[in-house]
């Protein structure tokens, strides 16, 4: 899908340099992937402390089985 976006050249060039990628397209794609991954992680992190476990749940016993 071709798009015509107004992207800040300074930011794009910094990302290109830091990422070590060869093209602006690759840089934008990696940035989008990392953005999505981070947002998904934030969703999971927001669940910490909100989930209730069964009374007989023993995570240590589950570790020993592995």
Protein backbone atom coordinates (compact mmCIF):
# COMPACT_ATOMS: atom_id res chain seq x y z
CA UNK A 1 0.00 0.00 0.00
CA UNK A 2 1.85 3.09 -1.15
CA UNK A 3 1.51 6.05 1.18
CA UNK A 4 2.69 9.60 1.22
CA UNK A 5 3.54 10.57 4.79
CA UNK A 6 5.15 13.68 6.18
CA UNK A 7 7.75 12.14 8.50
CA UNK A 8 10.17 14.26 10.50
CA UNK A 9 13.50 13.83 8.68
CA UNK A 10 15.55 14.35 11.85
CA UNK A 11 13.70 11.59 13.68
CA UNK A 12 13.84 9.26 10.71
CA UNK A 13 17.57 9.79 10.21
CA UNK A 14 18.25 9.23 13.92
CA UNK A 15 16.23 6.03 13.85
CA UNK A 16 18.03 4.92 10.69
CA UNK A 17 21.40 5.48 12.35
CA UNK A 18 20.47 3.88 15.69
CA UNK A 19 18.74 0.92 14.06
CA UNK A 20 21.59 0.25 11.68
CA UNK A 21 19.15 -0.41 8.88
CA UNK A 22 19.82 0.37 5.24
CA UNK A 23 16.55 1.90 4.10
CA UNK A 24 14.00 4.33 5.48
CA UNK A 25 11.26 1.83 4.67
CA UNK A 26 12.92 -0.86 6.80
CA UNK A 27 13.40 1.66 9.60
CA UNK A 28 9.74 2.68 9.60
CA UNK A 29 8.60 -0.95 9.49
CA UNK A 30 10.83 -1.92 12.44
CA UNK A 31 9.65 1.13 14.37
CA UNK A 32 6.02 0.18 13.78
CA UNK A 33 6.66 -3.42 14.86
CA UNK A 34 8.38 -2.24 18.06
CA UNK A 35 5.56 0.23 18.74
CA UNK A 36 2.93 -2.51 18.42
CA UNK A 37 4.95 -4.92 20.57
CA UNK A 38 5.37 -2.32 23.29
CA UNK A 39 1.67 -1.49 23.37
CA UNK A 40 0.78 -5.18 23.62
CA UNK A 41 3.24 -5.57 26.51
CA UNK A 42 1.64 -2.60 28.29
CA UNK A 43 -1.73 -4.32 27.98
CA UNK A 44 -0.33 -7.46 29.62
CA UNK A 45 1.49 -5.48 32.33
CA UNK A 46 -1.74 -3.69 33.20
CA UNK A 47 -3.18 -7.08 34.24
CA UNK A 48 -0.58 -7.65 36.98
CA UNK A 49 -2.24 -7.80 40.37
CA UNK A 50 -5.71 -8.02 38.86
CA UNK A 51 -5.93 -11.73 38.25
CA UNK A 52 -7.07 -14.11 40.94
CA UNK A 53 -5.65 -17.62 41.13
CA UNK A 54 -7.36 -20.78 42.27
CA UNK A 55 -6.79 -21.56 45.93
CA UNK A 56 -4.85 -24.77 45.17
CA UNK A 57 -2.62 -23.15 42.52
CA UNK A 58 1.07 -23.83 43.20
CA UNK A 59 3.42 -22.26 40.66
CA UNK A 60 6.46 -23.81 42.34
CA UNK A 61 5.10 -27.31 41.75
CA UNK A 62 4.53 -26.47 38.09
CA UNK A 63 8.16 -25.37 37.75
CA UNK A 64 9.40 -28.72 39.06
CA UNK A 65 7.53 -30.63 36.35
CA UNK A 66 9.41 -28.91 33.53
